[in-house]
Amino acid sequence: MGACCALESAPKQAAKCSSSTSRPTTPKSARKKGEAPQAGSDATLHDAAWEGNVDLVRKLLLRDSPDLPDEEGSTPLHLAADEGYMEVVKCLLEEGKATCIDTADGAGNTPLFLAAKEGRTDVVEYLLATAKLQAPQKANSNGETPLLCAVQKGRANIVKLLLGHSAAVDISNNDGETPLNLAAGKGDTETVQLLLVDGRSQSVDTPDRLGWTPVLMAAHGGHVGVLRLLLKSNAKPADSHSGTGETPLLCAAKRGHVEVAKLLLTSAEVPMIDMADRDGNTPLMMAAQFGFAEALRLLLSKKASIDLCNKANETALLLAAQEGFAEVVAILLEEGSKAVNIAAADGRTALIAAARFGYSEVCKLLLERGADRHAKIEGSEVVETCGTALDVAYQNGHSEVAAILES
């Protein structure tokens, strides 16, 4: 590797690579694209490469070093690879004998990284096949390699090329995200398949820095196809917990991803039905709180515990009532919930919670099932209300609910 390929500060690189005929360059951000540079005294190799003007590049190579970085650390090769100018890339490497093919710019990006990022398939293929890269796995300042970037951008064709040249598949970026983690989160079934089969990824259960595994990411996004591939590769959903304790089933229930929940419930070796997060919330509680009736019915059909309490002593019924989800409240009551008068740690009952926000239909359902209209709550900074459900309804201006409670 030539001396100019070492990752150094721009002044040192310029000192090593410049010649008596080289001219100072300006960063890419300072150049205006669209006005093709002329072969005059003001033209630079960077400008010509960025514009894709291969004829001018060829002329300027007689004067300028192809390895000289600009103020952003970009060489002409970086600019040509970024823009996808294949003929310019070839000219710089084959005619200009550029040696900085593995050099990183100011952000740590190599020409290969930039080509992969922008989806320049022919440039990526050329760099991998003919340019004899010394560091195809080089990561930038964010810990991103060309493969990680291609996955993040959803460029399956480039992922396949990189895997075909032995790109490291189980590396992670500065956030601990592996290629498989990123692909699962995007729901990119094609790329997940490539990583698991062509790349033989072993990171099927590897969490990122926040504890999110590929299975958690797939469940969170509702990506059934991806989840199915992960499970076939022996992913263990029961062992996946985010930093806040969310399980894959809880993620699915919280977002109403019924098909994902079905797959998890039929595939998991360890029951996840009542596994709670760090706040004590179960999948059933999350389905209730966010109003996903179909997910709720599924969980109840699989024998989810209906009247468990979280760490705030809130039940699924209370969580649904305070959000005004009458259908969910009705389902819970029909399925035998006995939590009508169970109070949360701050004293809220389901009736008081519904009255506070004016949910008249929910109040009717609860009263029909024996909700205690005389239960009281003491005021607090959290609840900012006090008294019975009737008091709370009046305090918050809900006359319709007040009328129901007085009847």
Protein backbone atom coordinates (compact mmCIF):
# COMPACT_ATOMS: atom_id res chain seq x y z
CA MET A 1 0.00 0.00 0.00
CA GLY A 2 1.33 3.45 -0.86
CA ALA A 3 2.25 5.95 1.81
CA CYS A 4 -0.74 8.12 0.93
CA CYS A 5 -3.12 5.31 1.82
CA ALA A 6 -2.45 5.51 5.55
CA LEU A 7 -5.26 7.10 7.54
CA GLU A 8 -3.69 10.38 8.63
CA SER A 9 -4.63 13.99 8.92
CA ALA A 10 -5.15 15.87 5.65
CA PRO A 11 -2.04 18.07 6.00
CA LYS A 12 0.22 15.03 6.41
CA GLN A 13 -1.40 13.28 3.46
CA ALA A 14 -0.95 16.36 1.29
CA ALA A 15 2.69 16.57 2.26
CA LYS A 16 3.29 12.97 1.25
CA CYS A 17 1.20 12.86 -1.93
CA SER A 18 1.45 16.31 -3.45
CA SER A 19 3.83 17.21 -6.24
CA SER A 20 5.13 20.49 -7.50
CA THR A 21 2.28 20.64 -10.02
CA SER A 22 -0.53 19.74 -7.62
CA ARG A 23 -2.98 22.50 -6.79
CA PRO A 24 -4.93 23.11 -3.54
CA THR A 25 -8.36 21.52 -3.69
CA THR A 26 -11.70 22.51 -2.20
CA PRO A 27 -14.09 20.20 -0.38
CA LYS A 28 -16.90 18.60 -2.35
CA SER A 29 -19.45 20.69 -0.46
CA ALA A 30 -17.88 23.86 -1.85
CA ARG A 31 -18.05 22.78 -5.47
CA LYS A 32 -21.15 23.36 -7.62
CA LYS A 33 -22.12 20.37 -9.65
CA GLY A 34 -23.60 20.77 -13.10
CA GLU A 35 -21.08 23.19 -14.54
CA ALA A 36 -18.58 20.89 -16.20
CA PRO A 37 -15.00 21.91 -15.39
CA GLN A 38 -12.81 22.95 -18.29
CA ALA A 39 -9.22 21.93 -18.85
CA GLY A 40 -7.92 25.31 -17.73
CA SER A 41 -5.78 26.38 -14.84
CA ASP A 42 -8.71 26.34 -12.38
CA ALA A 43 -9.80 22.75 -13.11
CA THR A 44 -8.95 20.17 -10.46
CA LEU A 45 -8.87 16.41 -10.60
CA HIS A 46 -11.45 16.33 -7.82
CA ASP A 47 -13.85 18.45 -9.89
CA ALA A 48 -13.39 16.32 -12.97
CA ALA A 49 -13.87 13.08 -11.02
CA TRP A 50 -16.98 14.40 -9.29
CA GLU A 51 -18.47 15.42 -12.63
CA GLY A 52 -17.63 12.11 -14.28
CA ASN A 53 -15.54 13.82 -16.97
CA VAL A 54 -13.19 10.96 -17.81
CA ASP A 55 -11.44 12.82 -20.64
CA LEU A 56 -10.54 15.69 -18.34
CA VAL A 57 -9.54 13.25 -15.60
CA ARG A 58 -7.13 11.64 -18.04
CA LYS A 59 -5.58 15.03 -18.88
CA LEU A 60 -5.32 16.17 -15.28
CA LEU A 61 -3.63 12.95 -14.23
CA LEU A 62 -0.59 14.28 -16.08
CA ARG A 63 -0.50 17.14 -13.59
CA ASP A 64 -2.26 16.10 -10.36
CA SER A 65 -1.78 13.23 -7.96
CA PRO A 66 -4.78 10.85 -7.90
CA ASP A 67 -4.10 10.21 -4.22
CA LEU A 68 -4.31 13.80 -2.98
CA PRO A 69 -7.20 14.34 -0.51
CA ASP A 70 -9.27 17.49 -0.34
CA GLU A 71 -10.15 19.29 2.90
CA GLU A 72 -12.77 16.63 3.68
CA GLY A 73 -10.27 13.84 3.21
CA SER A 74 -11.82 12.71 -0.08
CA THR A 75 -9.62 11.65 -2.97
CA PRO A 76 -10.84 11.79 -6.58
CA LEU A 77 -11.48 8.05 -6.25
CA HIS A 78 -13.85 8.65 -3.33
CA LEU A 79 -15.83 11.15 -5.39
CA ALA A 80 -16.02 8.99 -8.50
CA ALA A 81 -17.04 5.90 -6.50
CA ASP A 82 -19.67 7.88 -4.61
CA GLU A 83 -21.21 9.16 -7.84
CA GLY A 84 -20.91 5.82 -9.62
CA TYR A 85 -18.66 6.96 -12.46
CA MET A 86 -17.24 3.61 -13.45
CA GLU A 87 -15.00 4.85 -16.26
CA VAL A 88 -13.46 7.47 -13.98
CA VAL A 89 -12.84 4.88 -11.27
CA LYS A 90 -11.09 2.62 -13.78
CA CYS A 91 -9.09 5.52 -15.19
CA LEU A 92 -7.85 6.61 -11.76
CA LEU A 93 -6.80 3.10 -10.78
CA GLU A 94 -5.53 1.71 -14.07
CA GLU A 95 -4.10 4.78 -15.80
CA GLY A 96 -3.48 7.04 -12.83
CA LYS A 97 -2.12 4.19 -10.70
CA ALA A 98 -3.96 5.53 -7.65
CA THR A 99 -2.78 3.69 -4.56
CA CYS A 100 -5.31 4.99 -2.05
CA ILE A 101 -8.02 2.44 -2.82
CA ASP A 102 -8.30 1.55 0.87
CA THR A 103 -7.89 5.09 2.17
CA ALA A 104 -10.63 6.48 4.40
CA ASP A 105 -11.96 10.00 4.01
CA GLY A 106 -12.57 12.36 6.92
CA ALA A 107 -15.60 10.33 8.04
CA GLY A 108 -13.72 7.06 7.78
CA ASN A 109 -15.42 6.00 4.53
CA THR A 110 -13.50 4.09 1.87
CA PRO A 111 -14.35 4.27 -1.85
CA LEU A 112 -15.94 0.82 -1.53
CA PHE A 113 -18.10 2.00 1.36
CA LEU A 114 -19.35 5.01 -0.61
CA ALA A 115 -20.13 2.91 -3.67
CA ALA A 116 -22.01 0.38 -1.54
CA LYS A 117 -23.91 3.13 0.25
CA GLU A 118 -25.11 4.71 -2.99
CA GLY A 119 -25.93 1.43 -4.70
CA ARG A 120 -23.22 1.68 -7.37
CA THR A 121 -23.28 -2.02 -8.20
CA ASP A 122 -20.81 -1.97 -11.09
CA VAL A 123 -18.28 0.05 -9.10
CA VAL A 124 -18.61 -2.27 -6.09
CA GLU A 125 -18.17 -5.30 -8.33
CA TYR A 126 -15.12 -3.78 -10.01
CA LEU A 127 -13.47 -2.76 -6.74
CA LEU A 128 -14.04 -6.21 -5.26
CA ALA A 129 -13.05 -8.23 -8.32
CA THR A 130 -10.22 -6.35 -9.96
CA ALA A 131 -8.84 -3.71 -7.67
CA LYS A 132 -7.34 -6.07 -5.08
CA LEU A 133 -8.64 -4.35 -1.98
CA GLN A 134 -6.43 -4.69 1.05
CA ALA A 135 -9.11 -3.75 3.58
CA PRO A 136 -12.61 -4.52 2.22
CA GLN A 137 -13.94 -4.83 5.78
CA LYS A 138 -12.71 -1.42 6.93
CA ALA A 139 -15.26 0.33 9.14
CA ASN A 140 -15.90 4.06 9.26
CA SER A 141 -16.10 6.27 12.35
CA ASN A 142 -19.56 4.86 13.16
CA GLY A 143 -18.30 1.29 13.00
CA GLU A 144 -20.13 0.72 9.71
CA THR A 145 -18.59 -1.53 7.09
CA PRO A 146 -19.68 -1.64 3.44
CA LEU A 147 -21.84 -4.66 4.27
CA LEU A 148 -23.55 -2.99 7.22
CA CYS A 149 -24.23 0.07 5.09
CA ALA A 150 -25.60 -1.95 2.17
CA VAL A 151 -27.94 -3.78 4.53
CA GLN A 152 -29.09 -0.53 6.14
CA LYS A 153 -29.83 0.92 2.70
CA GLY A 154 -31.71 -2.20 1.60
CA ARG A 155 -29.34 -2.98 -1.26
CA ALA A 156 -29.63 -6.77 -1.48
CA ASN A 157 -27.72 -6.99 -4.77
CA ILE A 158 -24.69 -5.34 -3.19
CA VAL A 159 -25.05 -7.45 -0.05
CA LYS A 160 -24.82 -10.52 -2.26
CA LEU A 161 -21.68 -9.19 -3.97
CA LEU A 162 -20.00 -8.43 -0.65
CA LEU A 163 -20.89 -11.82 0.81
CA GLY A 164 -19.48 -13.43 -2.34
CA HIS A 165 -16.16 -11.80 -1.47
CA SER A 166 -16.17 -13.05 2.12
CA ALA A 167 -17.44 -9.91 3.82
CA ALA A 168 -17.55 -10.41 7.59
CA VAL A 169 -21.19 -11.12 8.35
CA ASP A 170 -21.31 -11.08 12.16
CA ILE A 171 -19.62 -7.75 12.82
CA SER A 172 -21.44 -4.90 14.53
CA ASN A 173 -21.43 -1.11 14.35
CA ASN A 174 -20.92 1.27 17.25
CA ASP A 175 -24.52 0.64 18.37
CA GLY A 176 -23.93 -3.10 18.47
CA GLU A 177 -26.14 -3.71 15.43
CA THR A 178 -25.20 -6.64 13.21
CA PRO A 179 -26.20 -6.93 9.54
CA LEU A 180 -28.84 -9.46 10.55
CA ASN A 181 -30.23 -7.14 13.20
CA LEU A 182 -30.53 -4.29 10.70
CA ALA A 183 -32.10 -6.45 8.00
CA ALA A 184 -34.62 -7.93 10.44
CA GLY A 185 -35.65 -4.49 11.61
CA LYS A 186 -36.26 -3.37 8.04
CA GLY A 187 -38.29 -6.47 7.22
CA ASP A 188 -35.87 -7.22 4.37
CA THR A 189 -36.61 -10.89 3.82
CA GLU A 190 -34.27 -11.20 0.83
CA THR A 191 -31.29 -9.82 2.73
CA VAL A 192 -32.05 -11.90 5.84
CA GLN A 193 -32.09 -14.98 3.61
CA LEU A 194 -28.74 -13.98 2.09
CA LEU A 195 -27.16 -13.39 5.50
CA LEU A 196 -28.40 -16.67 6.92
CA VAL A 197 -27.69 -18.85 3.88
CA ASP A 198 -24.92 -17.24 1.80
CA GLY A 199 -23.27 -15.53 4.75
CA ARG A 200 -23.97 -18.27 7.29
CA SER A 201 -24.58 -15.70 9.98
CA GLN A 202 -24.22 -16.93 13.54
CA SER A 203 -25.71 -13.78 15.08
CA VAL A 204 -29.32 -14.94 14.99
CA ASP A 205 -29.73 -14.20 18.71
CA THR A 206 -27.11 -11.45 19.06
CA PRO A 207 -28.52 -8.31 20.72
CA ASP A 208 -27.52 -4.76 19.94
CA ARG A 209 -26.38 -2.34 22.61
CA LEU A 210 -29.98 -1.86 23.82
CA GLY A 211 -30.71 -5.57 23.95
CA TRP A 212 -32.65 -5.83 20.69
CA THR A 213 -32.13 -9.14 18.89
CA PRO A 214 -33.13 -9.85 15.27
CA VAL A 215 -36.23 -11.66 16.56
CA LEU A 216 -37.24 -8.66 18.65
CA MET A 217 -36.72 -6.35 15.68
CA ALA A 218 -38.82 -8.57 13.42
CA ALA A 219 -41.60 -8.85 16.01
CA HIS A 220 -41.58 -5.10 16.65
CA GLY A 221 -41.98 -4.39 12.94
CA GLY A 222 -44.54 -7.11 12.27
CA HIS A 223 -42.26 -8.84 9.78
CA VAL A 224 -43.67 -12.37 9.66
CA GLY A 225 -41.50 -13.58 6.77
CA VAL A 226 -38.32 -12.49 8.50
CA LEU A 227 -39.41 -14.03 11.78
CA ARG A 228 -40.12 -17.32 10.05
CA LEU A 229 -36.60 -17.38 8.59
CA LEU A 230 -35.06 -16.60 11.98
CA LEU A 231 -37.03 -19.34 13.71
CA LYS A 232 -35.95 -21.83 11.03
CA SER A 233 -32.38 -20.84 11.87
CA ASN A 234 -32.98 -21.79 15.51
CA ALA A 235 -33.52 -18.33 16.95
CA LYS A 236 -34.72 -18.50 20.55
CA PRO A 237 -37.50 -15.94 21.06
CA ALA A 238 -37.99 -16.85 24.71
CA ASP A 239 -34.40 -15.73 25.39
CA SER A 240 -34.85 -12.35 23.70
CA HIS A 241 -35.43 -9.41 26.01
CA SER A 242 -34.84 -5.76 25.19
CA GLY A 243 -33.16 -3.44 27.64
CA THR A 244 -36.60 -2.63 29.03
CA GLY A 245 -37.52 -6.30 29.27
CA GLU A 246 -39.80 -6.48 26.25
CA THR A 247 -40.20 -9.96 24.79
CA PRO A 248 -40.98 -10.65 21.12
CA LEU A 249 -44.57 -11.55 22.02
CA LEU A 250 -45.01 -8.37 24.03
CA CYS A 251 -43.64 -6.34 21.09
CA ALA A 252 -46.13 -7.98 18.76
CA ALA A 253 -49.08 -7.56 21.13
CA LYS A 254 -48.23 -3.93 21.82
CA ARG A 255 -48.43 -3.14 18.11
CA GLY A 256 -51.28 -5.44 17.11
CA HIS A 257 -49.15 -7.77 14.97
CA VAL A 258 -51.46 -10.76 15.24
CA GLU A 259 -49.75 -12.98 12.65
CA VAL A 260 -46.41 -12.47 14.37
CA ALA A 261 -47.99 -13.32 17.71
CA LYS A 262 -49.51 -16.51 16.26
CA LEU A 263 -46.15 -17.60 14.89
CA LEU A 264 -44.40 -16.93 18.18
CA LEU A 265 -47.02 -18.77 20.19
CA THR A 266 -46.82 -21.86 17.98
CA SER A 267 -43.03 -21.87 17.65
CA ALA A 268 -41.63 -20.98 21.04
CA GLU A 269 -40.25 -23.87 23.07
CA VAL A 270 -40.66 -21.85 26.27
CA PRO A 271 -44.08 -20.31 26.97
CA MET A 272 -44.00 -16.53 26.63
CA ILE A 273 -47.66 -15.83 27.18
CA ASP A 274 -47.30 -14.04 30.54
CA MET A 275 -43.65 -12.92 30.35
CA ALA A 276 -43.60 -9.32 31.57
CA ASP A 277 -41.31 -6.37 30.88
CA ARG A 278 -39.40 -4.59 33.63
CA ASP A 279 -42.54 -2.61 34.56
CA GLY A 280 -44.52 -5.82 34.98
CA ASN A 281 -46.58 -5.41 31.81
CA THR A 282 -47.60 -8.64 30.09
CA PRO A 283 -48.47 -9.07 26.40
CA LEU A 284 -52.17 -9.08 27.35
CA MET A 285 -51.83 -5.79 29.20
CA MET A 286 -50.14 -4.19 26.19
CA ALA A 287 -52.78 -5.42 23.77
CA ALA A 288 -55.43 -4.00 26.12
CA GLN A 289 -53.71 -0.65 26.65
CA PHE A 290 -53.26 -0.06 22.93
CA GLY A 291 -56.71 -1.32 21.96
CA PHE A 292 -55.81 -4.31 19.81
CA ALA A 293 -58.90 -6.48 20.23
CA GLU A 294 -57.83 -9.24 17.83
CA ALA A 295 -54.48 -9.65 19.55
CA LEU A 296 -56.27 -9.66 22.90
CA ARG A 297 -58.62 -12.45 21.79
CA LEU A 298 -55.67 -14.49 20.52
CA LEU A 299 -53.81 -14.19 23.82
CA LEU A 300 -56.90 -15.07 25.83
CA SER A 301 -57.46 -18.12 23.61
CA LYS A 302 -53.94 -19.23 24.54
CA LYS A 303 -54.76 -18.93 28.26
CA ALA A 304 -53.08 -15.63 29.04
CA SER A 305 -53.72 -14.64 32.66
CA ILE A 306 -56.47 -12.05 32.55
CA ASP A 307 -56.18 -10.27 35.90
CA LEU A 308 -52.45 -9.97 36.54
CA CYS A 309 -51.18 -6.62 37.82
CA ASN A 310 -48.10 -4.72 36.72
CA LYS A 311 -45.76 -2.96 39.14
CA ALA A 312 -48.17 -0.02 39.37
CA ASN A 313 -50.90 -2.55 40.28
CA GLU A 314 -52.70 -1.83 37.00
CA THR A 315 -54.69 -4.62 35.37
CA ALA A 316 -55.42 -5.11 31.68
CA LEU A 317 -58.99 -3.95 32.38
CA LEU A 318 -57.86 -0.70 33.98
CA LEU A 319 -55.38 -0.01 31.18
CA ALA A 320 -58.06 -0.49 28.54
CA ALA A 321 -60.62 1.55 30.49
CA GLN A 322 -58.39 4.59 30.91
CA GLU A 323 -57.76 4.63 27.15
CA GLY A 324 -61.45 4.35 26.32
CA PHE A 325 -61.30 1.07 24.44
CA ALA A 326 -64.87 -0.11 24.98
CA GLU A 327 -64.52 -3.19 22.76
CA VAL A 328 -61.48 -4.39 24.69
CA VAL A 329 -63.16 -3.71 28.03
CA ALA A 330 -66.20 -5.70 26.87
CA ILE A 331 -64.02 -8.64 25.80
CA LEU A 332 -62.19 -8.73 29.12
CA LEU A 333 -65.44 -8.64 31.06
CA GLU A 334 -66.99 -11.34 28.87
CA GLU A 335 -63.91 -13.52 29.35
CA GLY A 336 -64.33 -13.36 33.10
CA SER A 337 -62.18 -10.53 34.38
CA LYS A 338 -62.69 -10.02 38.10
CA ALA A 339 -60.64 -6.83 38.18
CA VAL A 340 -63.54 -4.37 38.00
CA ASN A 341 -62.77 -2.93 41.42
CA ILE A 342 -59.03 -3.60 41.69
CA ALA A 343 -57.32 -0.28 42.31
CA ALA A 344 -53.93 0.76 41.01
CA ALA A 345 -51.18 1.78 43.41
CA ASP A 346 -52.35 5.39 43.20
CA GLY A 347 -55.95 4.42 43.96
CA ARG A 348 -57.43 4.49 40.44
CA THR A 349 -60.07 1.94 39.63
CA ALA A 350 -61.13 1.20 36.07
CA LEU A 351 -64.30 3.27 36.63
CA ILE A 352 -62.43 6.27 38.02
CA ALA A 353 -59.94 6.10 35.13
CA ALA A 354 -62.73 6.01 32.54
CA ALA A 355 -64.68 8.79 34.27
CA ARG A 356 -61.64 11.05 34.37
CA PHE A 357 -61.38 11.04 30.59
CA GLY A 358 -65.09 11.03 29.83
CA TYR A 359 -65.45 7.53 28.38
CA SER A 360 -69.17 7.04 28.85
CA GLU A 361 -69.51 3.66 27.08
CA VAL A 362 -66.72 2.20 29.18
CA CYS A 363 -68.34 3.51 32.35
CA LYS A 364 -71.63 1.85 31.40
CA LEU A 365 -69.91 -1.50 30.80
CA LEU A 366 -68.11 -1.34 34.14
CA LEU A 367 -71.22 -0.34 36.08
CA GLU A 368 -73.14 -3.23 34.53
CA ARG A 369 -70.48 -5.57 35.93
CA GLY A 370 -70.63 -4.18 39.43
CA ALA A 371 -68.07 -1.39 39.42
CA ASP A 372 -68.08 0.40 42.77
CA ARG A 373 -69.19 3.97 42.07
CA HIS A 374 -68.37 4.92 45.66
CA ALA A 375 -64.69 3.97 45.52
CA LYS A 376 -62.49 7.00 46.15
CA ILE A 377 -59.07 8.14 45.08
CA GLU A 378 -56.86 10.49 47.03
CA GLY A 379 -55.40 13.38 45.03
CA SER A 380 -51.77 13.20 43.92
CA GLU A 381 -49.38 14.96 41.60
CA VAL A 382 -49.63 12.03 39.23
CA VAL A 383 -53.41 11.75 39.06
CA GLU A 384 -54.22 15.41 39.74
CA THR A 385 -57.73 14.46 40.83
CA CYS A 386 -59.53 13.05 43.86
CA GLY A 387 -62.83 11.67 45.10
CA THR A 388 -65.25 9.17 43.59
CA ALA A 389 -65.78 8.52 39.89
CA LEU A 390 -68.61 11.08 40.00
CA ASP A 391 -66.35 13.67 41.62
CA VAL A 392 -63.69 13.02 39.02
CA ALA A 393 -66.20 13.33 36.17
CA TYR A 394 -67.36 16.73 37.47
CA GLN A 395 -63.79 17.92 38.06
CA ASN A 396 -62.96 17.21 34.42
CA GLY A 397 -66.17 18.57 32.92
CA HIS A 398 -67.67 15.29 31.72
CA SER A 399 -71.39 15.90 32.25
CA GLU A 400 -72.52 12.83 30.27
CA VAL A 401 -70.44 10.53 32.44
CA ALA A 402 -71.66 12.33 35.57
CA ALA A 403 -75.26 11.75 34.50
CA ILE A 404 -74.58 8.04 34.03
CA LEU A 405 -72.97 7.79 37.45
CA GLU A 406 -75.87 9.62 39.11
CA SER A 407 -78.57 7.47 37.49
